[in-house]
């Protein structure tokens, strides 16, 4: 569909202006192609690929932690400060939409117990 829109946009610049920039359309085409390639992978290939991506991410995260730790004097103090900042920045509880929706629907019926 996006390819067809690109062809139309080349012949009609006004239509292209409605669709968006060439960069945005190209980016969307690449995303669709990537999705198509992922859908063609077997379960084993997908698992291997995901495992590899997670392993790479963990390696980068460990390297970042080591770099951050190098700048700190005491490792225990650094870890305590790191945990304090994370706890101050991240929510203790995360409201789930389905739970909120249940409470809203119950409240609309006069039941405020949830």
N, C-alpha and C. Protein backbone atom coordinates (compact mmCIF):
# COMPACT_ATOMS: atom_id res chain seq x y z
N UNK A 1 0.82 -1.20 0.00
CA UNK A 1 0.00 0.00 0.00
C UNK A 1 0.86 1.25 0.00
N UNK A 2 1.92 1.21 0.82
CA UNK A 2 2.81 2.37 0.86
C UNK A 2 3.53 2.57 -0.46
N UNK A 3 3.90 1.46 -1.11
CA UNK A 3 4.55 1.57 -2.42
C UNK A 3 3.61 2.22 -3.42
N UNK A 4 2.34 1.85 -3.37
CA UNK A 4 1.36 2.43 -4.28
C UNK A 4 1.22 3.93 -3.98
N UNK A 5 1.20 4.30 -2.71
CA UNK A 5 1.10 5.71 -2.36
C UNK A 5 2.32 6.48 -2.85
N UNK A 6 3.51 5.87 -2.77
CA UNK A 6 4.71 6.53 -3.28
C UNK A 6 4.61 6.76 -4.78
N UNK A 7 4.12 5.77 -5.50
CA UNK A 7 3.96 5.92 -6.95
C UNK A 7 2.98 7.04 -7.26
N UNK A 8 1.88 7.09 -6.53
CA UNK A 8 0.91 8.16 -6.74
C UNK A 8 1.51 9.52 -6.38
N UNK A 9 2.30 9.54 -5.31
CA UNK A 9 2.89 10.80 -4.87
C UNK A 9 3.87 11.35 -5.89
N UNK A 10 4.56 10.46 -6.60
CA UNK A 10 5.50 10.92 -7.62
C UNK A 10 4.77 11.59 -8.78
N UNK A 11 3.58 11.12 -9.06
CA UNK A 11 2.83 11.72 -10.16
C UNK A 11 1.96 12.88 -9.69
N UNK A 12 1.72 12.99 -8.38
CA UNK A 12 0.85 14.03 -7.85
C UNK A 12 1.45 14.59 -6.55
N UNK A 13 2.25 15.66 -6.63
CA UNK A 13 2.92 16.22 -5.45
C UNK A 13 1.94 16.66 -4.35
N UNK A 14 0.74 17.11 -4.73
CA UNK A 14 -0.23 17.53 -3.73
C UNK A 14 -0.65 16.34 -2.87
N UNK A 15 -0.83 15.20 -3.51
CA UNK A 15 -1.18 13.99 -2.77
C UNK A 15 -0.03 13.59 -1.85
N UNK A 16 1.19 13.72 -2.35
CA UNK A 16 2.36 13.39 -1.54
C UNK A 16 2.42 14.25 -0.29
N UNK A 17 2.08 15.53 -0.42
CA UNK A 17 2.08 16.43 0.73
C UNK A 17 1.09 15.97 1.79
N UNK A 18 -0.02 15.37 1.36
CA UNK A 18 -1.00 14.86 2.33
C UNK A 18 -0.48 13.61 3.05
N UNK A 19 0.29 12.80 2.34
CA UNK A 19 0.80 11.56 2.92
C UNK A 19 1.88 11.85 3.95
N UNK A 20 2.79 12.74 3.63
CA UNK A 20 3.90 13.05 4.53
C UNK A 20 5.18 13.21 3.73
N UNK A 21 6.27 13.30 4.46
CA UNK A 21 7.55 13.48 3.79
C UNK A 21 8.04 12.16 3.22
N UNK A 22 8.94 12.26 2.27
CA UNK A 22 9.53 11.06 1.67
C UNK A 22 10.25 10.24 2.73
N UNK A 23 10.94 10.92 3.65
CA UNK A 23 11.66 10.21 4.71
C UNK A 23 10.71 9.41 5.59
N UNK A 24 9.56 9.99 5.94
CA UNK A 24 8.59 9.27 6.77
C UNK A 24 8.02 8.06 6.06
N UNK A 25 7.70 8.23 4.78
CA UNK A 25 7.14 7.12 4.00
C UNK A 25 8.20 6.03 3.84
N UNK A 26 9.44 6.42 3.57
CA UNK A 26 10.53 5.45 3.42
C UNK A 26 10.74 4.69 4.72
N UNK A 27 10.69 5.41 5.83
CA UNK A 27 10.86 4.77 7.14
C UNK A 27 9.74 3.76 7.39
N UNK A 28 8.54 4.12 7.03
CA UNK A 28 7.40 3.21 7.21
C UNK A 28 7.53 1.99 6.31
N UNK A 29 8.00 2.19 5.08
CA UNK A 29 8.24 1.06 4.17
C UNK A 29 9.28 0.10 4.76
N UNK A 30 10.34 0.64 5.32
CA UNK A 30 11.38 -0.19 5.94
C UNK A 30 10.81 -0.96 7.12
N UNK A 31 9.95 -0.31 7.91
CA UNK A 31 9.34 -0.98 9.07
C UNK A 31 8.47 -2.15 8.61
N UNK A 32 7.69 -1.93 7.54
CA UNK A 32 6.83 -2.98 7.02
C UNK A 32 7.66 -4.15 6.49
N UNK A 33 8.75 -3.84 5.80
CA UNK A 33 9.63 -4.89 5.29
C UNK A 33 10.27 -5.68 6.43
N UNK A 34 10.69 -4.99 7.47
CA UNK A 34 11.29 -5.65 8.63
C UNK A 34 10.26 -6.57 9.29
N UNK A 35 9.05 -6.11 9.42
CA UNK A 35 7.99 -6.94 10.01
C UNK A 35 7.74 -8.18 9.16
N UNK A 36 7.74 -8.01 7.87
CA UNK A 36 7.55 -9.14 6.96
C UNK A 36 8.67 -10.16 7.12
N UNK A 37 9.91 -9.67 7.23
CA UNK A 37 11.04 -10.60 7.41
C UNK A 37 10.91 -11.34 8.74
N UNK A 38 10.49 -10.65 9.79
CA UNK A 38 10.33 -11.29 11.10
C UNK A 38 9.24 -12.35 11.07
N UNK A 39 8.16 -12.07 10.35
CA UNK A 39 7.06 -13.04 10.27
C UNK A 39 7.46 -14.31 9.53
N UNK A 40 8.48 -14.23 8.71
CA UNK A 40 8.93 -15.39 7.95
C UNK A 40 9.91 -16.27 8.73
N UNK A 41 10.37 -15.81 9.90
CA UNK A 41 11.30 -16.59 10.71
C UNK A 41 10.57 -17.73 11.41
N UNK A 42 11.26 -18.83 11.57
CA UNK A 42 10.70 -19.94 12.35
C UNK A 42 10.79 -19.58 13.83
N UNK A 43 10.11 -20.34 14.68
CA UNK A 43 10.15 -20.09 16.12
C UNK A 43 11.57 -20.20 16.65
N UNK A 44 12.31 -21.19 16.18
CA UNK A 44 13.69 -21.38 16.63
C UNK A 44 14.57 -20.20 16.20
N UNK A 45 14.39 -19.73 14.96
CA UNK A 45 15.18 -18.59 14.48
C UNK A 45 14.84 -17.33 15.26
N UNK A 46 13.56 -17.14 15.53
CA UNK A 46 13.14 -15.97 16.29
C UNK A 46 13.69 -16.01 17.72
N UNK A 47 13.64 -17.18 18.34
CA UNK A 47 14.19 -17.33 19.69
C UNK A 47 15.68 -17.05 19.70
N UNK A 48 16.40 -17.59 18.73
CA UNK A 48 17.85 -17.36 18.64
C UNK A 48 18.16 -15.88 18.45
N UNK A 49 17.39 -15.24 17.58
CA UNK A 49 17.59 -13.81 17.32
C UNK A 49 17.32 -12.98 18.57
N UNK A 50 16.21 -13.28 19.25
CA UNK A 50 15.87 -12.54 20.46
C UNK A 50 16.90 -12.76 21.56
N UNK A 51 17.35 -14.01 21.70
CA UNK A 51 18.37 -14.33 22.71
C UNK A 51 19.64 -13.53 22.43
N UNK A 52 20.01 -13.47 21.16
CA UNK A 52 21.20 -12.72 20.77
C UNK A 52 21.04 -11.24 21.08
N UNK A 53 19.88 -10.68 20.76
CA UNK A 53 19.64 -9.25 21.03
C UNK A 53 19.70 -8.96 22.54
N UNK A 54 19.08 -9.82 23.34
CA UNK A 54 19.11 -9.62 24.79
C UNK A 54 20.52 -9.76 25.34
N UNK A 55 21.27 -10.72 24.85
CA UNK A 55 22.65 -10.90 25.31
C UNK A 55 23.48 -9.66 24.98
N UNK A 56 23.31 -9.11 23.78
CA UNK A 56 24.02 -7.88 23.40
C UNK A 56 23.63 -6.73 24.31
N UNK A 57 22.32 -6.60 24.58
CA UNK A 57 21.85 -5.50 25.44
C UNK A 57 22.42 -5.64 26.85
N UNK A 58 22.41 -6.85 27.39
CA UNK A 58 22.95 -7.07 28.73
C UNK A 58 24.44 -6.76 28.80
N UNK A 59 25.18 -7.11 27.77
CA UNK A 59 26.60 -6.82 27.72
C UNK A 59 26.83 -5.31 27.72
N UNK A 60 26.07 -4.58 26.92
CA UNK A 60 26.19 -3.12 26.89
C UNK A 60 25.83 -2.51 28.24
N UNK A 61 24.78 -3.04 28.88
CA UNK A 61 24.36 -2.53 30.18
C UNK A 61 25.43 -2.77 31.25
N UNK A 62 26.01 -3.98 31.24
CA UNK A 62 27.08 -4.28 32.19
C UNK A 62 28.27 -3.35 31.98
N UNK A 63 28.62 -3.08 30.72
CA UNK A 63 29.73 -2.18 30.42
C UNK A 63 29.42 -0.77 30.93
N UNK A 64 28.17 -0.36 30.78
CA UNK A 64 27.79 0.97 31.27
C UNK A 64 27.87 1.04 32.79
N UNK A 65 27.39 -0.02 33.46
CA UNK A 65 27.49 -0.05 34.92
C UNK A 65 28.93 0.00 35.39
N UNK A 66 29.80 -0.75 34.71
CA UNK A 66 31.22 -0.75 35.08
C UNK A 66 31.83 0.63 34.89
N UNK A 67 31.47 1.30 33.80
CA UNK A 67 31.98 2.66 33.55
C UNK A 67 31.49 3.62 34.63
N UNK A 68 30.21 3.52 34.99
CA UNK A 68 29.66 4.37 36.05
C UNK A 68 30.33 4.09 37.38
N UNK A 69 30.61 2.83 37.65
CA UNK A 69 31.22 2.44 38.92
C UNK A 69 32.65 2.93 39.03
N UNK A 70 33.36 3.02 37.87
CA UNK A 70 34.74 3.50 37.88
C UNK A 70 34.84 4.92 38.42
N UNK A 71 33.84 5.74 38.11
CA UNK A 71 33.87 7.13 38.56
C UNK A 71 33.56 7.29 40.05
N UNK A 72 32.95 6.28 40.64
CA UNK A 72 32.59 6.35 42.07
C UNK A 72 33.74 5.78 42.89
N UNK A 73 33.87 6.31 44.09
CA UNK A 73 34.94 5.82 44.96
C UNK A 73 34.61 4.47 45.57
N UNK A 74 33.62 4.44 46.42
CA UNK A 74 33.23 3.22 47.14
C UNK A 74 32.11 2.51 46.40
N UNK A 75 32.29 1.23 46.11
CA UNK A 75 31.32 0.47 45.34
C UNK A 75 29.99 0.34 46.08
N UNK A 76 30.04 0.11 47.40
CA UNK A 76 28.80 -0.04 48.17
C UNK A 76 28.01 1.27 48.21
N UNK A 77 28.70 2.38 48.36
CA UNK A 77 28.04 3.69 48.38
C UNK A 77 27.43 3.97 47.01
N UNK A 78 28.17 3.65 45.94
CA UNK A 78 27.67 3.84 44.59
C UNK A 78 26.40 3.03 44.36
N UNK A 79 26.42 1.76 44.80
CA UNK A 79 25.25 0.90 44.61
C UNK A 79 24.06 1.43 45.42
N UNK A 80 24.28 1.87 46.64
CA UNK A 80 23.19 2.41 47.46
C UNK A 80 22.59 3.65 46.81
N UNK A 81 23.42 4.53 46.29
CA UNK A 81 22.94 5.75 45.63
C UNK A 81 22.18 5.40 44.36
N UNK A 82 22.68 4.43 43.61
CA UNK A 82 22.02 3.99 42.39
C UNK A 82 20.62 3.46 42.69
N UNK A 83 20.49 2.64 43.73
CA UNK A 83 19.19 2.11 44.12
C UNK A 83 18.26 3.22 44.62
N UNK A 84 18.82 4.19 45.36
CA UNK A 84 18.01 5.29 45.86
C UNK A 84 17.42 6.10 44.70
N UNK A 85 18.24 6.38 43.69
CA UNK A 85 17.78 7.15 42.53
C UNK A 85 16.73 6.35 41.75
N UNK A 86 16.96 5.05 41.57
CA UNK A 86 15.98 4.23 40.85
C UNK A 86 14.65 4.20 41.59
N UNK A 87 14.70 4.02 42.89
CA UNK A 87 13.45 3.95 43.67
C UNK A 87 12.72 5.29 43.69
N UNK A 88 13.47 6.37 43.64
CA UNK A 88 12.84 7.69 43.62
C UNK A 88 12.25 8.01 42.25
N UNK A 89 12.79 7.41 41.21
CA UNK A 89 12.37 7.72 39.84
C UNK A 89 11.28 6.81 39.31
N UNK A 90 11.26 5.56 39.75
CA UNK A 90 10.32 4.57 39.22
C UNK A 90 9.14 4.40 40.17
N UNK A 91 7.95 4.19 39.61
CA UNK A 91 6.77 4.02 40.47
C UNK A 91 6.82 2.71 41.25
N UNK A 92 6.29 2.74 42.45
CA UNK A 92 6.23 1.53 43.27
C UNK A 92 5.12 0.62 42.75
N UNK A 93 4.02 1.21 42.31
CA UNK A 93 2.90 0.45 41.77
C UNK A 93 2.58 0.96 40.37
N UNK A 94 2.20 0.06 39.50
CA UNK A 94 1.81 0.43 38.14
C UNK A 94 0.35 0.01 37.95
N UNK A 95 -0.49 1.00 37.68
CA UNK A 95 -1.91 0.74 37.46
C UNK A 95 -2.10 0.04 36.13
N UNK A 96 -2.80 -1.05 36.13
CA UNK A 96 -3.10 -1.79 34.91
C UNK A 96 -4.45 -1.31 34.37
N UNK A 97 -4.52 -1.10 33.07
CA UNK A 97 -5.73 -0.55 32.45
C UNK A 97 -6.96 -1.40 32.73
N UNK A 98 -6.81 -2.73 32.65
CA UNK A 98 -7.99 -3.57 32.84
C UNK A 98 -8.52 -3.46 34.28
N UNK A 99 -7.61 -3.26 35.25
CA UNK A 99 -8.05 -3.10 36.64
C UNK A 99 -8.74 -1.76 36.81
N UNK A 100 -8.17 -0.71 36.21
CA UNK A 100 -8.79 0.62 36.27
C UNK A 100 -10.16 0.59 35.61
N UNK A 101 -10.27 -0.09 34.46
CA UNK A 101 -11.55 -0.16 33.76
C UNK A 101 -12.60 -0.86 34.60
N UNK A 102 -12.21 -1.95 35.28
CA UNK A 102 -13.15 -2.65 36.17
C UNK A 102 -13.63 -1.72 37.29
N UNK A 103 -12.72 -0.95 37.87
CA UNK A 103 -13.08 -0.03 38.94
C UNK A 103 -13.98 1.09 38.42
N UNK A 104 -13.71 1.60 37.24
CA UNK A 104 -14.53 2.66 36.64
C UNK A 104 -15.94 2.15 36.39
N UNK A 105 -16.05 0.97 35.80
CA UNK A 105 -17.37 0.41 35.51
C UNK A 105 -18.14 0.14 36.79
N UNK A 106 -17.46 -0.37 37.82
CA UNK A 106 -18.13 -0.61 39.10
C UNK A 106 -18.58 0.71 39.71
N UNK A 107 -17.74 1.75 39.64
CA UNK A 107 -18.09 3.06 40.21
C UNK A 107 -19.27 3.67 39.47
N UNK A 108 -19.33 3.48 38.15
CA UNK A 108 -20.47 4.01 37.39
C UNK A 108 -21.77 3.35 37.82
N UNK A 109 -21.67 2.14 38.37
CA UNK A 109 -22.86 1.44 38.88
C UNK A 109 -23.05 1.64 40.38
N UNK A 110 -22.29 2.59 40.95
CA UNK A 110 -22.47 2.91 42.36
C UNK A 110 -21.61 2.09 43.32
N UNK A 111 -20.79 1.19 42.84
CA UNK A 111 -19.93 0.36 43.69
C UNK A 111 -18.54 0.95 43.70
N UNK A 112 -18.16 1.59 44.83
CA UNK A 112 -16.87 2.25 44.93
C UNK A 112 -15.86 1.41 45.71
N UNK A 113 -16.15 0.12 45.92
CA UNK A 113 -15.27 -0.74 46.71
C UNK A 113 -13.91 -0.98 46.04
N UNK A 114 -13.88 -1.05 44.71
CA UNK A 114 -12.61 -1.30 44.04
C UNK A 114 -11.76 -0.05 44.04
